Protein backbone atom coordinates (compact mmCIF):
# COMPACT_ATOMS: atom_id res chain seq x y z
CA UNK A 1 0.00 0.00 0.00
CA UNK A 2 1.68 3.18 -1.17
CA UNK A 3 -0.93 5.73 -0.22
CA UNK A 4 -4.27 6.08 1.55
CA UNK A 5 -6.16 9.36 1.44
CA UNK A 6 -9.45 10.02 3.23
CA UNK A 7 -12.19 11.49 1.03
CA UNK A 8 -15.89 12.28 1.48
CA UNK A 9 -15.48 13.18 5.16
CA UNK A 10 -14.20 9.71 6.06
CA UNK A 11 -16.85 7.81 4.14
CA UNK A 12 -14.33 6.63 1.53
CA UNK A 13 -10.62 6.36 0.83
CA UNK A 14 -8.48 6.71 -2.28
CA UNK A 15 -5.85 3.96 -2.11
CA UNK A 16 -2.79 3.36 -4.25
CA UNK A 17 -1.38 -0.17 -4.24
CA UNK A 18 1.89 -1.32 -5.76
CA UNK A 19 1.82 -5.10 -6.30
CA UNK A 20 4.97 -7.26 -6.26
CA UNK A 21 3.86 -8.86 -9.53
CA UNK A 22 1.68 -7.29 -12.20
CA UNK A 23 -1.99 -8.31 -12.12
CA UNK A 24 -4.37 -8.55 -15.06
CA UNK A 25 -7.03 -5.89 -14.50
CA UNK A 26 -9.21 -7.20 -17.36
CA UNK A 27 -11.42 -10.31 -17.15
CA UNK A 28 -12.05 -10.56 -20.90
CA UNK A 29 -10.57 -13.82 -22.28
CA UNK A 30 -8.99 -12.40 -25.43
CA UNK A 31 -7.54 -9.22 -23.93
CA UNK A 32 -5.19 -8.48 -21.02
CA UNK A 33 -4.01 -5.31 -19.31
CA UNK A 34 -1.36 -5.95 -16.68
CA UNK A 35 -0.74 -3.33 -14.00
CA UNK A 36 1.69 -3.21 -11.10
CA UNK A 37 0.22 -0.08 -9.54
CA UNK A 38 -3.47 0.68 -9.17
CA UNK A 39 -5.38 3.55 -7.57
CA UNK A 40 -9.01 3.11 -6.58
CA UNK A 41 -11.74 4.55 -4.41
CA UNK A 42 -13.00 2.24 -1.67
CA UNK A 43 -15.66 2.64 1.01
CA UNK A 44 -14.70 2.69 4.70
CA UNK A 45 -15.47 -1.06 4.55
CA UNK A 46 -12.78 -1.48 1.86
CA UNK A 47 -15.08 -2.21 -1.11
CA UNK A 48 -14.97 -0.15 -4.30
CA UNK A 49 -18.31 1.22 -5.51
CA UNK A 50 -17.23 0.60 -9.13
CA UNK A 51 -18.12 -2.88 -10.32
CA UNK A 52 -17.39 -5.13 -13.28
CA UNK A 53 -20.11 -6.08 -15.77
CA UNK A 54 -21.05 -9.05 -13.60
CA UNK A 55 -21.41 -6.81 -10.49
CA UNK A 56 -18.12 -7.78 -8.77
CA UNK A 57 -16.33 -4.84 -7.08
CA UNK A 58 -13.18 -3.69 -8.87
CA UNK A 59 -11.23 -3.83 -5.61
CA UNK A 60 -11.73 -5.18 -2.10
CA UNK A 61 -9.09 -4.44 0.55
CA UNK A 62 -8.87 -5.59 4.15
CA UNK A 63 -6.70 -4.49 7.03
CA UNK A 64 -4.51 -7.25 8.38
CA UNK A 65 -2.58 -6.51 11.55
CA UNK A 66 -1.23 -3.11 12.50
CA UNK A 67 -0.31 -0.39 10.03
CA UNK A 68 3.45 -0.07 9.63
CA UNK A 69 5.23 2.78 7.90
CA UNK A 70 8.55 2.11 6.16
CA UNK A 71 11.07 4.66 5.06
CA UNK A 72 11.34 8.33 6.00
PDB file of N, CA and C in Angstrom:
ATOM      1  N   UNK A   1       0.864  -1.151   0.000  1.00  0.00           N
ATOM      2  CA  UNK A   1       0.000   0.000   0.000  1.00  0.00           C
ATOM      3  C   UNK A   1       0.915   1.218   0.000  1.00  0.00           C
ATOM      4  N   UNK A   2       0.832   1.992  -1.065  1.00  0.00           N
ATOM      5  CA  UNK A   2       1.679   3.177  -1.170  1.00  0.00           C
ATOM      6  C   UNK A   2       1.044   4.407  -0.547  1.00  0.00           C
ATOM      7  N   UNK A   3      -0.273   4.536  -0.715  1.00  0.00           N
ATOM      8  CA  UNK A   3      -0.931   5.735  -0.220  1.00  0.00           C
ATOM      9  C   UNK A   3      -2.381   5.439   0.124  1.00  0.00           C
ATOM     10  N   UNK A   4      -2.862   6.128   1.164  1.00  0.00           N
ATOM     11  CA  UNK A   4      -4.267   6.082   1.555  1.00  0.00           C
ATOM     12  C   UNK A   4      -4.657   7.519   1.871  1.00  0.00           C
ATOM     13  N   UNK A   5      -5.701   7.992   1.210  1.00  0.00           N
ATOM     14  CA  UNK A   5      -6.156   9.362   1.443  1.00  0.00           C
ATOM     15  C   UNK A   5      -7.641   9.345   1.740  1.00  0.00           C
ATOM     16  N   UNK A   6      -8.035   9.938   2.846  1.00  0.00           N
ATOM     17  CA  UNK A   6      -9.447  10.020   3.225  1.00  0.00           C
ATOM     18  C   UNK A   6     -10.166  10.998   2.309  1.00  0.00           C
ATOM     19  N   UNK A   7     -11.342  10.612   1.837  1.00  0.00           N
ATOM     20  CA  UNK A   7     -12.190  11.492   1.025  1.00  0.00           C
ATOM     21  C   UNK A   7     -13.622  11.376   1.533  1.00  0.00           C
ATOM     22  N   UNK A   8     -14.464  12.286   1.133  1.00  0.00           N
ATOM     23  CA  UNK A   8     -15.895  12.277   1.478  1.00  0.00           C
ATOM     24  C   UNK A   8     -16.107  12.241   2.996  1.00  0.00           C
ATOM     25  N   UNK A   9     -15.341  13.083   3.700  1.00  0.00           N
ATOM     26  CA  UNK A   9     -15.479  13.185   5.161  1.00  0.00           C
ATOM     27  C   UNK A   9     -15.372  11.840   5.864  1.00  0.00           C
ATOM     28  N   UNK A  10     -14.440  11.000   5.424  1.00  0.00           N
ATOM     29  CA  UNK A  10     -14.195   9.709   6.063  1.00  0.00           C
ATOM     30  C   UNK A  10     -15.096   8.584   5.608  1.00  0.00           C
ATOM     31  N   UNK A  11     -15.956   8.850   4.642  1.00  0.00           N
ATOM     32  CA  UNK A  11     -16.851   7.806   4.139  1.00  0.00           C
ATOM     33  C   UNK A  11     -16.180   6.924   3.090  1.00  0.00           C
ATOM     34  N   UNK A  12     -15.042   7.397   2.556  1.00  0.00           N
ATOM     35  CA  UNK A  12     -14.333   6.633   1.525  1.00  0.00           C
ATOM     36  C   UNK A  12     -12.854   6.972   1.589  1.00  0.00           C
ATOM     37  N   UNK A  13     -12.065   6.159   0.882  1.00  0.00           N
ATOM     38  CA  UNK A  13     -10.616   6.358   0.826  1.00  0.00           C
ATOM     39  C   UNK A  13     -10.135   6.135  -0.599  1.00  0.00           C
ATOM     40  N   UNK A  14      -9.156   6.933  -1.003  1.00  0.00           N
ATOM     41  CA  UNK A  14      -8.483   6.707  -2.282  1.00  0.00           C
ATOM     42  C   UNK A  14      -7.185   5.993  -1.925  1.00  0.00           C
ATOM     43  N   UNK A  15      -7.023   4.775  -2.445  1.00  0.00           N
ATOM     44  CA  UNK A  15      -5.852   3.957  -2.115  1.00  0.00           C
ATOM     45  C   UNK A  15      -5.015   3.724  -3.369  1.00  0.00           C
ATOM     46  N   UNK A  16      -3.713   3.705  -3.180  1.00  0.00           N
ATOM     47  CA  UNK A  16      -2.786   3.357  -4.246  1.00  0.00           C
ATOM     48  C   UNK A  16      -1.998   2.149  -3.780  1.00  0.00           C
ATOM     49  N   UNK A  17      -2.034   1.093  -4.574  1.00  0.00           N
ATOM     50  CA  UNK A  17      -1.383  -0.172  -4.238  1.00  0.00           C
ATOM     51  C   UNK A  17      -0.353  -0.496  -5.304  1.00  0.00           C
ATOM     52  N   UNK A  18       0.829  -0.898  -4.859  1.00  0.00           N
ATOM     53  CA  UNK A  18       1.893  -1.323  -5.757  1.00  0.00           C
ATOM     54  C   UNK A  18       2.109  -2.816  -5.500  1.00  0.00           C
ATOM     55  N   UNK A  19       1.713  -3.648  -6.448  1.00  0.00           N
ATOM     56  CA  UNK A  19       1.821  -5.102  -6.299  1.00  0.00           C
ATOM     57  C   UNK A  19       3.243  -5.571  -6.596  1.00  0.00           C
ATOM     58  N   UNK A  20       3.663  -6.664  -5.963  1.00  0.00           N
ATOM     59  CA  UNK A  20       4.974  -7.259  -6.259  1.00  0.00           C
ATOM     60  C   UNK A  20       5.024  -7.727  -7.708  1.00  0.00           C
ATOM     61  N   UNK A  21       3.969  -8.382  -8.148  1.00  0.00           N
ATOM     62  CA  UNK A  21       3.861  -8.859  -9.532  1.00  0.00           C
ATOM     63  C   UNK A  21       2.670  -8.186 -10.189  1.00  0.00           C
ATOM     64  N   UNK A  22       2.780  -7.914 -11.471  1.00  0.00           N
ATOM     65  CA  UNK A  22       1.680  -7.295 -12.203  1.00  0.00           C
ATOM     66  C   UNK A  22       0.450  -8.193 -12.193  1.00  0.00           C
ATOM     67  N   UNK A  23      -0.726  -7.571 -12.094  1.00  0.00           N
ATOM     68  CA  UNK A  23      -1.988  -8.305 -12.120  1.00  0.00           C
ATOM     69  C   UNK A  23      -2.771  -7.897 -13.360  1.00  0.00           C
ATOM     70  N   UNK A  24      -3.536  -8.828 -13.896  1.00  0.00           N
ATOM     71  CA  UNK A  24      -4.372  -8.547 -15.063  1.00  0.00           C
ATOM     72  C   UNK A  24      -5.641  -7.874 -14.562  1.00  0.00           C
ATOM     73  N   UNK A  25      -5.869  -6.643 -14.962  1.00  0.00           N
ATOM     74  CA  UNK A  25      -7.031  -5.891 -14.499  1.00  0.00           C
ATOM     75  C   UNK A  25      -8.233  -6.058 -15.425  1.00  0.00           C
ATOM     76  N   UNK A  26      -8.134  -6.950 -16.398  1.00  0.00           N
ATOM     77  CA  UNK A  26      -9.210  -7.203 -17.356  1.00  0.00           C
ATOM     78  C   UNK A  26      -9.630  -8.669 -17.231  1.00  0.00           C
ATOM     79  N   UNK A  27     -10.936  -8.927 -17.249  1.00  0.00           N
ATOM     80  CA  UNK A  27     -11.421 -10.308 -17.146  1.00  0.00           C
ATOM     81  C   UNK A  27     -11.795 -10.897 -18.500  1.00  0.00           C
ATOM     82  N   UNK A  28     -11.702 -10.099 -19.564  1.00  0.00           N
ATOM     83  CA  UNK A  28     -12.055 -10.562 -20.901  1.00  0.00           C
ATOM     84  C   UNK A  28     -11.022 -11.581 -21.377  1.00  0.00           C
ATOM     85  N   UNK A  29     -11.463 -12.718 -21.906  1.00  0.00           N
ATOM     86  CA  UNK A  29     -10.566 -13.818 -22.276  1.00  0.00           C
ATOM     87  C   UNK A  29      -9.534 -13.465 -23.344  1.00  0.00           C
ATOM     88  N   UNK A  30      -9.904 -12.656 -24.327  1.00  0.00           N
ATOM     89  CA  UNK A  30      -8.987 -12.401 -25.434  1.00  0.00           C
ATOM     90  C   UNK A  30      -8.238 -11.069 -25.319  1.00  0.00           C
ATOM     91  N   UNK A  31      -8.225 -10.491 -24.130  1.00  0.00           N
ATOM     92  CA  UNK A  31      -7.536  -9.217 -23.927  1.00  0.00           C
ATOM     93  C   UNK A  31      -6.990  -9.179 -22.508  1.00  0.00           C
ATOM     94  N   UNK A  32      -5.798  -8.624 -22.339  1.00  0.00           N
ATOM     95  CA  UNK A  32      -5.188  -8.475 -21.019  1.00  0.00           C
ATOM     96  C   UNK A  32      -4.641  -7.075 -20.860  1.00  0.00           C
ATOM     97  N   UNK A  33      -4.625  -6.598 -19.647  1.00  0.00           N
ATOM     98  CA  UNK A  33      -4.014  -5.312 -19.313  1.00  0.00           C
ATOM     99  C   UNK A  33      -3.373  -5.480 -17.935  1.00  0.00           C
ATOM    100  N   UNK A  34      -2.076  -5.708 -17.932  1.00  0.00           N
ATOM    101  CA  UNK A  34      -1.364  -5.951 -16.681  1.00  0.00           C
ATOM    102  C   UNK A  34      -0.915  -4.635 -16.057  1.00  0.00           C
ATOM    103  N   UNK A  35      -1.122  -4.526 -14.748  1.00  0.00           N
ATOM    104  CA  UNK A  35      -0.741  -3.334 -14.000  1.00  0.00           C
ATOM    105  C   UNK A  35      -0.020  -3.751 -12.725  1.00  0.00           C
ATOM    106  N   UNK A  36       1.006  -3.003 -12.375  1.00  0.00           N
ATOM    107  CA  UNK A  36       1.688  -3.214 -11.097  1.00  0.00           C
ATOM    108  C   UNK A  36       1.176  -2.253 -10.049  1.00  0.00           C
ATOM    109  N   UNK A  37       0.718  -1.091 -10.482  1.00  0.00           N
ATOM    110  CA  UNK A  37       0.222  -0.082  -9.544  1.00  0.00           C
ATOM    111  C   UNK A  37      -1.202   0.288  -9.923  1.00  0.00           C
ATOM    112  N   UNK A  38      -2.087   0.290  -8.938  1.00  0.00           N
ATOM    113  CA  UNK A  38      -3.469   0.684  -9.171  1.00  0.00           C
ATOM    114  C   UNK A  38      -3.895   1.692  -8.107  1.00  0.00           C
ATOM    115  N   UNK A  39      -4.780   2.588  -8.489  1.00  0.00           N
ATOM    116  CA  UNK A  39      -5.384   3.551  -7.571  1.00  0.00           C
ATOM    117  C   UNK A  39      -6.882   3.397  -7.697  1.00  0.00           C
ATOM    118  N   UNK A  40      -7.563   3.316  -6.554  1.00  0.00           N
ATOM    119  CA  UNK A  40      -9.007   3.115  -6.575  1.00  0.00           C
ATOM    120  C   UNK A  40      -9.654   3.781  -5.377  1.00  0.00           C
ATOM    121  N   UNK A  41     -10.925   4.044  -5.504  1.00  0.00           N
ATOM    122  CA  UNK A  41     -11.742   4.554  -4.413  1.00  0.00           C
ATOM    123  C   UNK A  41     -12.404   3.362  -3.742  1.00  0.00           C
ATOM    124  N   UNK A  42     -12.329   3.299  -2.411  1.00  0.00           N
ATOM    125  CA  UNK A  42     -13.002   2.242  -1.665  1.00  0.00           C
ATOM    126  C   UNK A  42     -13.787   2.869  -0.528  1.00  0.00           C
ATOM    127  N   UNK A  43     -14.859   2.194  -0.124  1.00  0.00           N
ATOM    128  CA  UNK A  43     -15.659   2.644   1.014  1.00  0.00           C
ATOM    129  C   UNK A  43     -14.873   2.431   2.303  1.00  0.00           C
ATOM    130  N   UNK A  44     -15.395   2.915   3.426  1.00  0.00           N
ATOM    131  CA  UNK A  44     -14.702   2.687   4.697  1.00  0.00           C
ATOM    132  C   UNK A  44     -14.685   1.205   5.064  1.00  0.00           C
ATOM    133  N   UNK A  45     -15.497   0.390   4.381  1.00  0.00           N
ATOM    134  CA  UNK A  45     -15.470  -1.064   4.554  1.00  0.00           C
ATOM    135  C   UNK A  45     -14.467  -1.734   3.617  1.00  0.00           C
ATOM    136  N   UNK A  46     -13.811  -0.950   2.740  1.00  0.00           N
ATOM    137  CA  UNK A  46     -12.782  -1.481   1.860  1.00  0.00           C
ATOM    138  C   UNK A  46     -13.271  -2.015   0.527  1.00  0.00           C
ATOM    139  N   UNK A  47     -14.498  -1.690   0.137  1.00  0.00           N
ATOM    140  CA  UNK A  47     -15.079  -2.205  -1.112  1.00  0.00           C
ATOM    141  C   UNK A  47     -15.285  -1.054  -2.085  1.00  0.00           C
ATOM    142  N   UNK A  48     -14.804  -1.223  -3.315  1.00  0.00           N
ATOM    143  CA  UNK A  48     -14.975  -0.153  -4.305  1.00  0.00           C
ATOM    144  C   UNK A  48     -16.415  -0.098  -4.797  1.00  0.00           C
ATOM    145  N   UNK A  49     -16.943   1.105  -4.990  1.00  0.00           N
ATOM    146  CA  UNK A  49     -18.309   1.223  -5.513  1.00  0.00           C
ATOM    147  C   UNK A  49     -18.380   0.856  -7.000  1.00  0.00           C
ATOM    148  N   UNK A  50     -17.253   0.972  -7.726  1.00  0.00           N
ATOM    149  CA  UNK A  50     -17.226   0.600  -9.130  1.00  0.00           C
ATOM    150  C   UNK A  50     -17.219  -0.925  -9.231  1.00  0.00           C
ATOM    151  N   UNK A  51     -17.996  -1.428 -10.181  1.00  0.00           N
ATOM    152  CA  UNK A  51     -18.122  -2.878 -10.323  1.00  0.00           C
ATOM    153  C   UNK A  51     -17.891  -3.294 -11.775  1.00  0.00           C
ATOM    154  N   UNK A  52     -17.546  -4.560 -11.945  1.00  0.00           N
ATOM    155  CA  UNK A  52     -17.394  -5.132 -13.276  1.00  0.00           C
ATOM    156  C   UNK A  52     -18.780  -5.367 -13.872  1.00  0.00           C
ATOM    157  N   UNK A  53     -18.827  -5.808 -15.110  1.00  0.00           N
ATOM    158  CA  UNK A  53     -20.106  -6.077 -15.765  1.00  0.00           C
ATOM    159  C   UNK A  53     -20.945  -7.132 -15.065  1.00  0.00           C
ATOM    160  N   UNK A  54     -20.283  -8.025 -14.333  1.00  0.00           N
ATOM    161  CA  UNK A  54     -21.047  -9.052 -13.600  1.00  0.00           C
ATOM    162  C   UNK A  54     -21.214  -8.693 -12.120  1.00  0.00           C
ATOM    163  N   UNK A  55     -21.109  -7.385 -11.807  1.00  0.00           N
ATOM    164  CA  UNK A  55     -21.407  -6.809 -10.490  1.00  0.00           C
ATOM    165  C   UNK A  55     -20.403  -7.157  -9.386  1.00  0.00           C
ATOM    166  N   UNK A  56     -19.178  -7.523  -9.751  1.00  0.00           N
ATOM    167  CA  UNK A  56     -18.124  -7.785  -8.773  1.00  0.00           C
ATOM    168  C   UNK A  56     -17.349  -6.480  -8.556  1.00  0.00           C
ATOM    169  N   UNK A  57     -17.086  -6.081  -7.308  1.00  0.00           N
ATOM    170  CA  UNK A  57     -16.329  -4.844  -7.077  1.00  0.00           C
ATOM    171  C   UNK A  57     -14.951  -4.899  -7.741  1.00  0.00           C
ATOM    172  N   UNK A  58     -14.503  -3.756  -8.264  1.00  0.00           N
ATOM    173  CA  UNK A  58     -13.177  -3.689  -8.875  1.00  0.00           C
ATOM    174  C   UNK A  58     -12.092  -4.041  -7.873  1.00  0.00           C
ATOM    175  N   UNK A  59     -12.262  -3.616  -6.616  1.00  0.00           N
ATOM    176  CA  UNK A  59     -11.230  -3.832  -5.610  1.00  0.00           C
ATOM    177  C   UNK A  59     -11.867  -4.023  -4.247  1.00  0.00           C
ATOM    178  N   UNK A  60     -11.336  -4.977  -3.499  1.00  0.00           N
ATOM    179  CA  UNK A  60     -11.730  -5.181  -2.095  1.00  0.00           C
ATOM    180  C   UNK A  60     -10.429  -5.270  -1.306  1.00  0.00           C
ATOM    181  N   UNK A  61     -10.288  -4.418  -0.289  1.00  0.00           N
ATOM    182  CA  UNK A  61      -9.091  -4.437   0.549  1.00  0.00           C
ATOM    183  C   UNK A  61      -9.500  -4.682   1.990  1.00  0.00           C
ATOM    184  N   UNK A  62      -8.617  -5.313   2.740  1.00  0.00           N
ATOM    185  CA  UNK A  62      -8.873  -5.593   4.153  1.00  0.00           C
ATOM    186  C   UNK A  62      -7.625  -5.277   4.951  1.00  0.00           C
ATOM    187  N   UNK A  63      -7.817  -4.769   6.128  1.00  0.00           N
ATOM    188  CA  UNK A  63      -6.704  -4.490   7.027  1.00  0.00           C
ATOM    189  C   UNK A  63      -6.315  -5.777   7.729  1.00  0.00           C
ATOM    190  N   UNK A  64      -5.036  -6.081   7.713  1.00  0.00           N
ATOM    191  CA  UNK A  64      -4.512  -7.254   8.382  1.00  0.00           C
ATOM    192  C   UNK A  64      -3.406  -6.805   9.301  1.00  0.00           C
ATOM    193  N   UNK A  65      -3.602  -6.934  10.589  1.00  0.00           N
ATOM    194  CA  UNK A  65      -2.584  -6.512  11.545  1.00  0.00           C
ATOM    195  C   UNK A  65      -2.509  -5.011  11.672  1.00  0.00           C
ATOM    196  N   UNK A  66      -1.435  -4.544  12.278  1.00  0.00           N
ATOM    197  CA  UNK A  66      -1.235  -3.113  12.504  1.00  0.00           C
ATOM    198  C   UNK A  66      -0.647  -2.456  11.271  1.00  0.00           C
ATOM    199  N   UNK A  67      -0.909  -1.173  11.127  1.00  0.00           N
ATOM    200  CA  UNK A  67      -0.309  -0.392  10.034  1.00  0.00           C
ATOM    201  C   UNK A  67       1.146  -0.125  10.385  1.00  0.00           C
ATOM    202  N   UNK A  68       2.031  -0.304   9.425  1.00  0.00           N
ATOM    203  CA  UNK A  68       3.454  -0.070   9.625  1.00  0.00           C
ATOM    204  C   UNK A  68       3.938   0.856   8.527  1.00  0.00           C
ATOM    205  N   UNK A  69       4.685   1.857   8.891  1.00  0.00           N
ATOM    206  CA  UNK A  69       5.226   2.779   7.900  1.00  0.00           C
ATOM    207  C   UNK A  69       6.711   2.504   7.724  1.00  0.00           C
ATOM    208  N   UNK A  70       7.146   2.362   6.472  1.00  0.00           N
ATOM    209  CA  UNK A  70       8.546   2.106   6.157  1.00  0.00           C
ATOM    210  C   UNK A  70       9.137   3.354   5.519  1.00  0.00           C
ATOM    211  N   UNK A  71      10.385   3.543   5.692  1.00  0.00           N
ATOM    212  CA  UNK A  71      11.066   4.664   5.056  1.00  0.00           C
ATOM    213  C   UNK A  71      11.006   5.915   5.912  1.00  0.00           C
ATOM    214  N   UNK A  72      11.270   7.063   5.269  1.00  0.00           N
ATOM    215  CA  UNK A  72      11.337   8.335   6.001  1.00  0.00           C
ATOM    216  C   UNK A  72       9.978   8.906   6.194  1.00  0.00           C
TER     217      UNK A  72
END
